[in-house]
Amino acid sequence: MTNWGSGHLTEYAYRWEIESGYRSIKRFMAATMSKDFGLRFFHFAFACLLYSIWRAVDLLVQVELTGDYEHSPIVTADNTLTLLKKETGIG
């Protein structure tokens, strides 16, 4: 364990961001009681797409406003979901 540099520990710390990302994806998923795998997979894939769009928009907004990217979002998932529902009726 003495060969582990601080770089490995820093990279491992980002694992938490990955885990919380999966929880955040659930916020973008449509609720369904269907047992149809195809439909459930579509809902998951669509939620992943919405999550990725949200993170990309947040990154672009942060870089534009501050010139840097921090891991905590400026554009929140709640703001994104509210805008999505207002503009499309989805949600």
PDB file of N, CA and C in Angstrom:
ATOM      1  N   MET A   1       0.811  -1.190   0.000  1.00  0.00           N
ATOM      2  CA  MET A   1       0.000   0.000   0.000  1.00  0.00           C
ATOM      3  C   MET A   1       0.858   1.259   0.000  1.00  0.00           C
ATOM      4  N   THR A   2       2.129   1.130   0.266  1.00  0.00           N
ATOM      5  CA  THR A   2       2.986   2.320   0.295  1.00  0.00           C
ATOM      6  C   THR A   2       3.239   2.863  -1.099  1.00  0.00           C
ATOM      7  N   ASN A   3       2.992   2.064  -2.152  1.00  0.00           N
ATOM      8  CA  ASN A   3       3.190   2.530  -3.518  1.00  0.00           C
ATOM      9  C   ASN A   3       2.035   3.392  -4.020  1.00  0.00           C
ATOM     10  N   TRP A   4       0.957   3.416  -3.282  1.00  0.00           N
ATOM     11  CA  TRP A   4      -0.189   4.225  -3.699  1.00  0.00           C
ATOM     12  C   TRP A   4       0.149   5.687  -3.502  1.00  0.00           C
ATOM     13  N   GLY A   5       0.157   6.423  -4.584  1.00  0.00           N
ATOM     14  CA  GLY A   5       0.401   7.854  -4.488  1.00  0.00           C
ATOM     15  C   GLY A   5      -0.895   8.590  -4.263  1.00  0.00           C
ATOM     16  N   SER A   6      -0.782   9.857  -4.053  1.00  0.00           N
ATOM     17  CA  SER A   6      -1.981  10.654  -3.817  1.00  0.00           C
ATOM     18  C   SER A   6      -2.862  10.697  -5.065  1.00  0.00           C
ATOM     19  N   GLY A   7      -2.267  10.465  -6.248  1.00  0.00           N
ATOM     20  CA  GLY A   7      -3.046  10.450  -7.486  1.00  0.00           C
ATOM     21  C   GLY A   7      -4.066   9.336  -7.499  1.00  0.00           C
ATOM     22  N   HIS A   8      -3.691   8.149  -7.006  1.00  0.00           N
ATOM     23  CA  HIS A   8      -4.627   7.030  -6.958  1.00  0.00           C
ATOM     24  C   HIS A   8      -5.778   7.331  -6.003  1.00  0.00           C
ATOM     25  N   LEU A   9      -5.466   7.922  -4.874  1.00  0.00           N
ATOM     26  CA  LEU A   9      -6.510   8.243  -3.911  1.00  0.00           C
ATOM     27  C   LEU A   9      -7.436   9.323  -4.452  1.00  0.00           C
ATOM     28  N   THR A  10      -6.868  10.263  -5.182  1.00  0.00           N
ATOM     29  CA  THR A  10      -7.696  11.307  -5.783  1.00  0.00           C
ATOM     30  C   THR A  10      -8.633  10.705  -6.813  1.00  0.00           C
ATOM     31  N   GLU A  11      -8.124   9.817  -7.643  1.00  0.00           N
ATOM     32  CA  GLU A  11      -8.968   9.161  -8.649  1.00  0.00           C
ATOM     33  C   GLU A  11     -10.063   8.334  -7.983  1.00  0.00           C
ATOM     34  N   TYR A  12      -9.718   7.648  -6.890  1.00  0.00           N
ATOM     35  CA  TYR A  12     -10.717   6.840  -6.199  1.00  0.00           C
ATOM     36  C   TYR A  12     -11.803   7.717  -5.592  1.00  0.00           C
ATOM     37  N   ALA A  13     -11.444   8.919  -5.177  1.00  0.00           N
ATOM     38  CA  ALA A  13     -12.423   9.834  -4.589  1.00  0.00           C
ATOM     39  C   ALA A  13     -13.503  10.197  -5.601  1.00  0.00           C
ATOM     40  N   TYR A  14     -13.184  10.197  -6.888  1.00  0.00           N
ATOM     41  CA  TYR A  14     -14.180  10.504  -7.914  1.00  0.00           C
ATOM     42  C   TYR A  14     -15.201   9.386  -8.075  1.00  0.00           C
ATOM     43  N   ARG A  15     -14.930   8.226  -7.495  1.00  0.00           N
ATOM     44  CA  ARG A  15     -15.883   7.129  -7.558  1.00  0.00           C
ATOM     45  C   ARG A  15     -17.206   7.547  -6.919  1.00  0.00           C
ATOM     46  N   TRP A  16     -17.148   8.341  -5.863  1.00  0.00           N
ATOM     47  CA  TRP A  16     -18.361   8.807  -5.210  1.00  0.00           C
ATOM     48  C   TRP A  16     -19.215   9.602  -6.186  1.00  0.00           C
ATOM     49  N   GLU A  17     -18.574  10.383  -7.043  1.00  0.00           N
ATOM     50  CA  GLU A  17     -19.314  11.153  -8.042  1.00  0.00           C
ATOM     51  C   GLU A  17     -20.038  10.217  -9.009  1.00  0.00           C
ATOM     52  N   ILE A  18     -19.412   9.111  -9.349  1.00  0.00           N
ATOM     53  CA  ILE A  18     -20.046   8.131 -10.239  1.00  0.00           C
ATOM     54  C   ILE A  18     -21.264   7.518  -9.545  1.00  0.00           C
ATOM     55  N   GLU A  19     -21.097   7.132  -8.283  1.00  0.00           N
ATOM     56  CA  GLU A  19     -22.213   6.532  -7.539  1.00  0.00           C
ATOM     57  C   GLU A  19     -23.374   7.502  -7.392  1.00  0.00           C
ATOM     58  N   SER A  20     -23.084   8.741  -7.074  1.00  0.00           N
ATOM     59  CA  SER A  20     -24.166   9.713  -6.930  1.00  0.00           C
ATOM     60  C   SER A  20     -24.779  10.043  -8.288  1.00  0.00           C
ATOM     61  N   GLY A  21     -23.999   9.898  -9.359  1.00  0.00           N
ATOM     62  CA  GLY A  21     -24.537  10.089 -10.703  1.00  0.00           C
ATOM     63  C   GLY A  21     -25.630   9.086 -11.015  1.00  0.00           C
ATOM     64  N   TYR A  22     -25.426   7.835 -10.621  1.00  0.00           N
ATOM     65  CA  TYR A  22     -26.456   6.820 -10.849  1.00  0.00           C
ATOM     66  C   TYR A  22     -27.725   7.143 -10.066  1.00  0.00           C
ATOM     67  N   ARG A  23     -27.566   7.661  -8.851  1.00  0.00           N
ATOM     68  CA  ARG A  23     -28.751   8.062  -8.089  1.00  0.00           C
ATOM     69  C   ARG A  23     -29.456   9.236  -8.762  1.00  0.00           C
ATOM     70  N   SER A  24     -28.677  10.151  -9.314  1.00  0.00           N
ATOM     71  CA  SER A  24     -29.265  11.318  -9.985  1.00  0.00           C
ATOM     72  C   SER A  24     -30.015  10.916 -11.244  1.00  0.00           C
ATOM     73  N   ILE A  25     -29.535   9.893 -11.925  1.00  0.00           N
ATOM     74  CA  ILE A  25     -30.213   9.431 -13.144  1.00  0.00           C
ATOM     75  C   ILE A  25     -31.641   9.010 -12.817  1.00  0.00           C
ATOM     76  N   LYS A  26     -31.842   8.427 -11.647  1.00  0.00           N
ATOM     77  CA  LYS A  26     -33.186   7.987 -11.262  1.00  0.00           C
ATOM     78  C   LYS A  26     -34.166   9.157 -11.209  1.00  0.00           C
ATOM     79  N   ARG A  27     -33.663  10.359 -10.926  1.00  0.00           N
ATOM     80  CA  ARG A  27     -34.545  11.528 -10.884  1.00  0.00           C
ATOM     81  C   ARG A  27     -35.089  11.854 -12.266  1.00  0.00           C
ATOM     82  N   PHE A  28     -34.372  11.462 -13.308  1.00  0.00           N
ATOM     83  CA  PHE A  28     -34.785  11.750 -14.684  1.00  0.00           C
ATOM     84  C   PHE A  28     -35.631  10.630 -15.287  1.00  0.00           C
ATOM     85  N   MET A  29     -35.776   9.511 -14.573  1.00  0.00           N
ATOM     86  CA  MET A  29     -36.516   8.372 -15.100  1.00  0.00           C
ATOM     87  C   MET A  29     -38.012   8.539 -14.912  1.00  0.00           C
ATOM     88  N   ALA A  30     -38.746   8.089 -15.899  1.00  0.00           N
ATOM     89  CA  ALA A  30     -40.209   8.057 -15.800  1.00  0.00           C
ATOM     90  C   ALA A  30     -40.603   6.867 -14.936  1.00  0.00           C
ATOM     91  N   ALA A  31     -41.614   7.057 -14.119  1.00  0.00           N
ATOM     92  CA  ALA A  31     -42.110   5.960 -13.284  1.00  0.00           C
ATOM     93  C   ALA A  31     -42.931   5.013 -14.146  1.00  0.00           C
ATOM     94  N   THR A  32     -42.698   3.730 -13.955  1.00  0.00           N
ATOM     95  CA  THR A  32     -43.457   2.730 -14.702  1.00  0.00           C
ATOM     96  C   THR A  32     -43.653   1.492 -13.847  1.00  0.00           C
ATOM     97  N   MET A  33     -44.751   0.823 -14.064  1.00  0.00           N
ATOM     98  CA  MET A  33     -45.024  -0.453 -13.401  1.00  0.00           C
ATOM     99  C   MET A  33     -44.880  -1.600 -14.405  1.00  0.00           C
ATOM    100  N   SER A  34     -44.516  -1.266 -15.620  1.00  0.00           N
ATOM    101  CA  SER A  34     -44.409  -2.260 -16.674  1.00  0.00           C
ATOM    102  C   SER A  34     -43.291  -3.260 -16.381  1.00  0.00           C
ATOM    103  N   LYS A  35     -43.538  -4.506 -16.762  1.00  0.00           N
ATOM    104  CA  LYS A  35     -42.510  -5.539 -16.632  1.00  0.00           C
ATOM    105  C   LYS A  35     -41.809  -5.789 -17.964  1.00  0.00           C
ATOM    106  N   ASP A  36     -42.179  -5.016 -18.980  1.00  0.00           N
ATOM    107  CA  ASP A  36     -41.578  -5.136 -20.298  1.00  0.00           C
ATOM    108  C   ASP A  36     -40.146  -4.602 -20.250  1.00  0.00           C
ATOM    109  N   PHE A  37     -39.176  -5.480 -20.480  1.00  0.00           N
ATOM    110  CA  PHE A  37     -37.774  -5.098 -20.396  1.00  0.00           C
ATOM    111  C   PHE A  37     -37.429  -3.992 -21.388  1.00  0.00           C
ATOM    112  N   GLY A  38     -37.952  -4.081 -22.593  1.00  0.00           N
ATOM    113  CA  GLY A  38     -37.658  -3.074 -23.617  1.00  0.00           C
ATOM    114  C   GLY A  38     -38.092  -1.676 -23.189  1.00  0.00           C
ATOM    115  N   LEU A  39     -39.289  -1.589 -22.626  1.00  0.00           N
ATOM    116  CA  LEU A  39     -39.796  -0.295 -22.161  1.00  0.00           C
ATOM    117  C   LEU A  39     -38.972   0.220 -20.990  1.00  0.00           C
ATOM    118  N   ARG A  40     -38.647  -0.656 -20.047  1.00  0.00           N
ATOM    119  CA  ARG A  40     -37.853  -0.236 -18.882  1.00  0.00           C
ATOM    120  C   ARG A  40     -36.457   0.200 -19.309  1.00  0.00           C
ATOM    121  N   PHE A  41     -35.874  -0.508 -20.270  1.00  0.00           N
ATOM    122  CA  PHE A  41     -34.556  -0.130 -20.770  1.00  0.00           C
ATOM    123  C   PHE A  41     -34.622   1.219 -21.475  1.00  0.00           C
ATOM    124  N   PHE A  42     -35.694   1.440 -22.252  1.00  0.00           N
ATOM    125  CA  PHE A  42     -35.858   2.728 -22.919  1.00  0.00           C
ATOM    126  C   PHE A  42     -35.925   3.857 -21.902  1.00  0.00           C
ATOM    127  N   HIS A  43     -36.697   3.663 -20.838  1.00  0.00           N
ATOM    128  CA  HIS A  43     -36.795   4.692 -19.793  1.00  0.00           C
ATOM    129  C   HIS A  43     -35.427   4.975 -19.176  1.00  0.00           C
ATOM    130  N   PHE A  44     -34.657   3.921 -18.922  1.00  0.00           N
ATOM    131  CA  PHE A  44     -33.323   4.107 -18.349  1.00  0.00           C
ATOM    132  C   PHE A  44     -32.404   4.827 -19.336  1.00  0.00           C
ATOM    133  N   ALA A  45     -32.411   4.408 -20.597  1.00  0.00           N
ATOM    134  CA  ALA A  45     -31.542   5.036 -21.601  1.00  0.00           C
ATOM    135  C   ALA A  45     -31.925   6.499 -21.818  1.00  0.00           C
ATOM    136  N   PHE A  46     -33.218   6.797 -21.819  1.00  0.00           N
ATOM    137  CA  PHE A  46     -33.665   8.175 -21.986  1.00  0.00           C
ATOM    138  C   PHE A  46     -33.260   9.020 -20.774  1.00  0.00           C
ATOM    139  N   ALA A  47     -33.357   8.445 -19.581  1.00  0.00           N
ATOM    140  CA  ALA A  47     -32.929   9.147 -18.371  1.00  0.00           C
ATOM    141  C   ALA A  47     -31.426   9.422 -18.416  1.00  0.00           C
ATOM    142  N   CYS A  48     -30.646   8.466 -18.911  1.00  0.00           N
ATOM    143  CA  CYS A  48     -29.201   8.674 -19.051  1.00  0.00           C
ATOM    144  C   CYS A  48     -28.910   9.811 -20.033  1.00  0.00           C
ATOM    145  N   LEU A  49     -29.668   9.864 -21.105  1.00  0.00           N
ATOM    146  CA  LEU A  49     -29.503  10.940 -22.078  1.00  0.00           C
ATOM    147  C   LEU A  49     -29.824  12.296 -21.455  1.00  0.00           C
ATOM    148  N   LEU A  50     -30.936  12.390 -20.744  1.00  0.00           N
ATOM    149  CA  LEU A  50     -31.299  13.643 -20.081  1.00  0.00           C
ATOM    150  C   LEU A  50     -30.263  14.047 -19.039  1.00  0.00           C
ATOM    151  N   TYR A  51     -29.764  13.073 -18.284  1.00  0.00           N
ATOM    152  CA  TYR A  51     -28.729  13.339 -17.279  1.00  0.00           C
ATOM    153  C   TYR A  51     -27.463  13.879 -17.949  1.00  0.00           C
ATOM    154  N   SER A  52     -27.068  13.269 -19.046  1.00  0.00           N
ATOM    155  CA  SER A  52     -25.863  13.707 -19.763  1.00  0.00           C
ATOM    156  C   SER A  52     -26.032  15.117 -20.328  1.00  0.00           C
ATOM    157  N   ILE A  53     -27.212  15.407 -20.845  1.00  0.00           N
ATOM    158  CA  ILE A  53     -27.479  16.753 -21.356  1.00  0.00           C
ATOM    159  C   ILE A  53     -27.392  17.760 -20.215  1.00  0.00           C
ATOM    160  N   TRP A  54     -27.982  17.423 -19.073  1.00  0.00           N
ATOM    161  CA  TRP A  54     -27.924  18.311 -17.909  1.00  0.00           C
ATOM    162  C   TRP A  54     -26.478  18.593 -17.507  1.00  0.00           C
ATOM    163  N   ARG A  55     -25.655  17.534 -17.410  1.00  0.00           N
ATOM    164  CA  ARG A  55     -24.258  17.720 -17.000  1.00  0.00           C
ATOM    165  C   ARG A  55     -23.482  18.536 -18.038  1.00  0.00           C
ATOM    166  N   ALA A  56     -23.758  18.331 -19.318  1.00  0.00           N
ATOM    167  CA  ALA A  56     -23.076  19.088 -20.366  1.00  0.00           C
ATOM    168  C   ALA A  56     -23.467  20.563 -20.313  1.00  0.00           C
ATOM    169  N   VAL A  57     -24.756  20.833 -20.120  1.00  0.00           N
ATOM    170  CA  VAL A  57     -25.202  22.229 -20.012  1.00  0.00           C
ATOM    171  C   VAL A  57     -24.577  22.881 -18.793  1.00  0.00           C
ATOM    172  N   ASP A  58     -24.537  22.173 -17.674  1.00  0.00           N
ATOM    173  CA  ASP A  58     -23.920  22.723 -16.462  1.00  0.00           C
ATOM    174  C   ASP A  58     -22.442  23.033 -16.692  1.00  0.00           C
ATOM    175  N   LEU A  59     -21.735  22.118 -17.347  1.00  0.00           N
ATOM    176  CA  LEU A  59     -20.320  22.347 -17.645  1.00  0.00           C
ATOM    177  C   LEU A  59     -20.143  23.596 -18.497  1.00  0.00           C
ATOM    178  N   LEU A  60     -20.943  23.734 -19.544  1.00  0.00           N
ATOM    179  CA  LEU A  60     -20.826  24.898 -20.424  1.00  0.00           C
ATOM    180  C   LEU A  60     -21.158  26.201 -19.701  1.00  0.00           C
ATOM    181  N   VAL A  61     -22.169  26.176 -18.849  1.00  0.00           N
ATOM    182  CA  VAL A  61     -22.534  27.371 -18.092  1.00  0.00           C
ATOM    183  C   VAL A  61     -21.419  27.746 -17.122  1.00  0.00           C
ATOM    184  N   GLN A  62     -20.873  26.758 -16.423  1.00  0.00           N
ATOM    185  CA  GLN A  62     -19.788  27.040 -15.475  1.00  0.00           C
ATOM    186  C   GLN A  62     -18.569  27.621 -16.170  1.00  0.00           C
ATOM    187  N   VAL A  63     -18.177  27.039 -17.289  1.00  0.00           N
ATOM    188  CA  VAL A  63     -17.004  27.527 -18.011  1.00  0.00           C
ATOM    189  C   VAL A  63     -17.250  28.935 -18.534  1.00  0.00           C
ATOM    190  N   GLU A  64     -18.454  29.195 -19.011  1.00  0.00           N
ATOM    191  CA  GLU A  64     -18.776  30.521 -19.522  1.00  0.00           C
ATOM    192  C   GLU A  64     -18.777  31.565 -18.411  1.00  0.00           C
ATOM    193  N   LEU A  65     -19.346  31.215 -17.248  1.00  0.00           N
ATOM    194  CA  LEU A  65     -19.465  32.187 -16.163  1.00  0.00           C
ATOM    195  C   LEU A  65     -18.176  32.359 -15.357  1.00  0.00           C
ATOM    196  N   THR A  66     -17.471  31.249 -15.105  1.00  0.00           N
ATOM    197  CA  THR A  66     -16.312  31.320 -14.213  1.00  0.00           C
ATOM    198  C   THR A  66     -14.985  31.034 -14.898  1.00  0.00           C
ATOM    199  N   GLY A  67     -15.019  30.472 -16.088  1.00  0.00           N
ATOM    200  CA  GLY A  67     -13.788  30.106 -16.772  1.00  0.00           C
ATOM    201  C   GLY A  67     -13.185  28.805 -16.273  1.00  0.00           C
ATOM    202  N   ASP A  68     -13.888  28.119 -15.371  1.00  0.00           N
ATOM    203  CA  ASP A  68     -13.387  26.870 -14.796  1.00  0.00           C
ATOM    204  C   ASP A  68     -14.574  25.947 -14.544  1.00  0.00           C
ATOM    205  N   TYR A  69     -14.280  24.664 -14.300  1.00  0.00           N
ATOM    206  CA  TYR A  69     -15.335  23.703 -14.010  1.00  0.00           C
ATOM    207  C   TYR A  69     -15.128  23.135 -12.621  1.00  0.00           C
ATOM    208  N   GLU A  70     -16.141  23.299 -11.780  1.00  0.00           N
ATOM    209  CA  GLU A  70     -16.163  22.689 -10.450  1.00  0.00           C
ATOM    210  C   GLU A  70     -17.156  21.533 -10.506  1.00  0.00           C
ATOM    211  N   HIS A  71     -16.968  20.560  -9.656  1.00  0.00           N
ATOM    212  CA  HIS A  71     -17.825  19.384  -9.710  1.00  0.00           C
ATOM    213  C   HIS A  71     -19.224  19.639  -9.164  1.00  0.00           C
ATOM    214  N   SER A  72     -19.394  20.627  -8.304  1.00  0.00           N
ATOM    215  CA  SER A  72     -20.746  20.928  -7.819  1.00  0.00           C
ATOM    216  C   SER A  72     -21.464  21.787  -8.865  1.00  0.00           C
ATOM    217  N   PRO A  73     -22.676  21.393  -9.248  1.00  0.00           N
ATOM    218  CA  PRO A  73     -23.354  22.062 -10.359  1.00  0.00           C
ATOM    219  C   PRO A  73     -23.884  23.450 -10.014  1.00  0.00           C
ATOM    220  N   ILE A  74     -23.865  24.315 -10.993  1.00  0.00           N
ATOM    221  CA  ILE A  74     -24.532  25.608 -10.906  1.00  0.00           C
ATOM    222  C   ILE A  74     -25.965  25.438 -11.393  1.00  0.00           C
ATOM    223  N   VAL A  75     -26.108  24.762 -12.511  1.00  0.00           N
ATOM    224  CA  VAL A  75     -27.440  24.420 -13.036  1.00  0.00           C
ATOM    225  C   VAL A  75     -27.831  23.111 -12.361  1.00  0.00           C
ATOM    226  N   THR A  76     -28.842  23.157 -11.526  1.00  0.00           N
ATOM    227  CA  THR A  76     -29.206  21.968 -10.758  1.00  0.00           C
ATOM    228  C   THR A  76     -30.138  21.055 -11.551  1.00  0.00           C
ATOM    229  N   ALA A  77     -30.237  19.820 -11.087  1.00  0.00           N
ATOM    230  CA  ALA A  77     -31.159  18.867 -11.713  1.00  0.00           C
ATOM    231  C   ALA A  77     -32.597  19.344 -11.556  1.00  0.00           C
ATOM    232  N   ASP A  78     -32.916  19.933 -10.404  1.00  0.00           N
ATOM    233  CA  ASP A  78     -34.277  20.448 -10.196  1.00  0.00           C
ATOM    234  C   ASP A  78     -34.615  21.533 -11.208  1.00  0.00           C
ATOM    235  N   ASN A  79     -33.667  22.458 -11.446  1.00  0.00           N
ATOM    236  CA  ASN A  79     -33.898  23.506 -12.443  1.00  0.00           C
ATOM    237  C   ASN A  79     -34.116  22.905 -13.826  1.00  0.00           C
ATOM    238  N   THR A  80     -33.313  21.913 -14.153  1.00  0.00           N
ATOM    239  CA  THR A  80     -33.411  21.271 -15.457  1.00  0.00           C
ATOM    240  C   THR A  80     -34.740  20.553 -15.622  1.00  0.00           C
ATOM    241  N   LEU A  81     -35.150  19.808 -14.594  1.00  0.00           N
ATOM    242  CA  LEU A  81     -36.423  19.090 -14.664  1.00  0.00           C
ATOM    243  C   LEU A  81     -37.606  20.044 -14.723  1.00  0.00           C
ATOM    244  N   THR A  82     -37.534  21.145 -13.990  1.00  0.00           N
ATOM    245  CA  THR A  82     -38.601  22.147 -14.034  1.00  0.00           C
ATOM    246  C   THR A  82     -38.715  22.757 -15.419  1.00  0.00           C
ATOM    247  N   LEU A  83     -37.572  23.111 -16.007  1.00  0.00           N
ATOM    248  CA  LEU A  83     -37.583  23.675 -17.349  1.00  0.00           C
ATOM    249  C   LEU A  83     -38.089  22.658 -18.369  1.00  0.00           C
ATOM    250  N   LEU A  84     -37.655  21.426 -18.243  1.00  0.00           N
ATOM    251  CA  LEU A  84     -38.107  20.359 -19.150  1.00  0.00           C
ATOM    252  C   LEU A  84     -39.619  20.182 -19.065  1.00  0.00           C
ATOM    253  N   LYS A  85     -40.154  20.175 -17.852  1.00  0.00           N
ATOM    254  CA  LYS A  85     -41.593  20.008 -17.692  1.00  0.00           C
ATOM    255  C   LYS A  85     -42.345  21.213 -18.246  1.00  0.00           C
ATOM    256  N   LYS A  86     -41.816  22.405 -17.994  1.00  0.00           N
ATOM    257  CA  LYS A  86     -42.488  23.624 -18.463  1.00  0.00           C
ATOM    258  C   LYS A  86     -42.521  23.696 -19.987  1.00  0.00           C
ATOM    259  N   GLU A  87     -41.401  23.344 -20.627  1.00  0.00           N
ATOM    260  CA  GLU A  87     -41.297  23.482 -22.072  1.00  0.00           C
ATOM    261  C   GLU A  87     -41.907  22.328 -22.861  1.00  0.00           C
ATOM    262  N   THR A  88     -41.900  21.119 -22.273  1.00  0.00           N
ATOM    263  CA  THR A  88     -42.347  19.962 -23.042  1.00  0.00           C
ATOM    264  C   THR A  88     -43.552  19.244 -22.429  1.00  0.00           C
ATOM    265  N   GLY A  89     -43.798  19.478 -21.156  1.00  0.00           N
ATOM    266  CA  GLY A  89     -44.865  18.748 -20.482  1.00  0.00           C
ATOM    267  C   GLY A  89     -44.423  17.406 -19.961  1.00  0.00           C
ATOM    268  N   ILE A  90     -43.155  17.041 -20.198  1.00  0.00           N
ATOM    269  CA  ILE A  90     -42.621  15.769 -19.714  1.00  0.00           C
ATOM    270  C   ILE A  90     -42.278  15.937 -18.240  1.00  0.00           C
ATOM    271  N   GLY A  91     -42.676  14.978 -17.434  1.00  0.00           N
ATOM    272  CA  GLY A  91     -42.271  15.031 -16.025  1.00  0.00           C
ATOM    273  C   GLY A  91     -43.401  14.825 -15.074  1.00  0.00           C
TER     274      GLY A  91
END
